[in-house]
Protein backbone atom coordinates (compact mmCIF):
# COMPACT_ATOMS: atom_id res chain seq x y z
CA MET A 1 -0.12 -0.12 -0.25
CA ALA A 2 2.67 2.30 -0.89
CA ASP A 3 0.42 5.19 -2.62
CA THR A 4 -0.19 8.08 -0.13
CA TRP A 5 -4.32 8.96 -1.11
CA LEU A 6 -4.99 9.61 2.54
CA PRO A 7 -2.42 13.27 3.77
CA SER A 8 -4.75 14.86 5.96
CA LEU A 9 -8.34 13.81 7.27
CA ILE A 10 -8.67 18.31 7.70
CA THR A 11 -11.52 19.31 5.00
CA GLU A 12 -12.89 23.30 5.27
CA THR A 13 -16.91 22.22 5.22
CA PRO A 14 -18.88 18.79 7.14
CA GLN A 15 -19.80 18.37 3.38
CA GLN A 16 -16.42 17.52 2.81
CA GLY A 17 -16.23 15.56 5.58
CA PHE A 18 -18.79 13.31 5.24
CA GLU A 19 -17.45 12.64 1.43
CA LEU A 20 -13.98 11.71 3.69
CA ALA A 21 -15.91 9.61 5.36
CA ILE A 22 -17.67 7.24 2.70
CA THR A 23 -14.58 7.26 0.79
CA LEU A 24 -13.01 6.02 4.09
CA SER A 25 -15.44 3.54 3.96
CA ARG A 26 -15.37 2.56 0.82
CA ARG A 27 -11.38 2.52 0.75
CA GLY A 28 -11.60 0.07 3.78
CA VAL A 29 -13.93 -2.69 2.22
CA LYS A 30 -11.51 -2.08 -1.00
CA TYR A 31 -8.16 -2.87 1.46
CA THR A 32 -10.23 -6.03 3.05
CA GLN A 33 -11.21 -7.75 -0.37
CA PRO A 34 -9.23 -6.62 -3.19
CA ASP A 35 -10.55 -8.79 -5.61
CA ALA A 36 -12.98 -6.37 -7.48
CA GLU A 37 -14.57 -10.06 -9.33
CA VAL A 38 -15.71 -10.61 -5.50
CA LEU A 39 -16.55 -7.39 -5.32
CA HIS A 40 -18.53 -7.32 -7.59
CA LYS A 41 -20.53 -10.89 -7.80
CA LEU A 42 -21.29 -9.97 -3.58
CA ARG A 43 -23.22 -7.27 -4.03
CA PRO A 44 -26.44 -7.99 -5.09
CA GLU A 45 -26.42 -9.53 -2.01
CA TYR A 46 -25.89 -6.74 0.33
CA ALA A 47 -27.45 -4.38 -1.84
CA ASN A 48 -31.30 -6.15 -0.86
CA SER A 49 -29.89 -6.56 2.52
CA HIS A 50 -31.54 -4.11 5.21
CA GLU A 51 -29.29 -5.42 7.58
CA ALA A 52 -26.08 -4.95 5.58
CA LEU A 53 -27.26 -1.27 4.70
CA THR A 54 -27.64 -0.62 7.91
CA ALA A 55 -24.13 -1.63 8.87
CA ALA A 56 -22.73 -0.18 6.50
CA SER A 57 -24.77 3.22 7.05
CA GLN A 58 -22.66 2.34 11.04
CA VAL A 59 -19.46 2.08 9.30
CA VAL A 60 -19.72 5.87 7.61
CA ALA A 61 -21.37 7.57 10.38
CA ILE A 62 -18.43 6.35 12.71
CA ASN A 63 -15.84 7.48 9.89
CA PHE A 64 -17.61 10.93 10.15
CA GLN A 65 -17.28 10.84 13.88
CA THR A 66 -13.35 11.08 13.00
CA VAL A 67 -13.14 13.39 10.79
CA ALA A 68 -15.51 15.82 12.43
CA ALA A 69 -13.66 15.27 15.32
CA ALA A 70 -10.33 16.15 13.92
CA ASN A 71 -11.64 18.71 11.97
CA GLY A 72 -12.69 20.60 15.40
CA TYR A 73 -15.96 19.65 14.41
CA TRP A 74 -15.99 22.74 11.76
CA ARG A 75 -16.24 25.35 14.89
CA LYS A 76 -13.90 28.45 13.96
């Protein structure tokens, strides 16, 4: 994992922070399962599972909490 794609958690706005949280979540999945063919094969299962979608939302929320804390909750 030599490429540096995340130089900082600092964002200018909460919207950018939320988008970063989504990126972190998606990257986490790619690092966990690097085989794109397997990911695409499994997609129909989790895309139609309310449990899986809720779990994915929780991961995004946790990542957003981390980004928000790193940004001082955008208080200036």
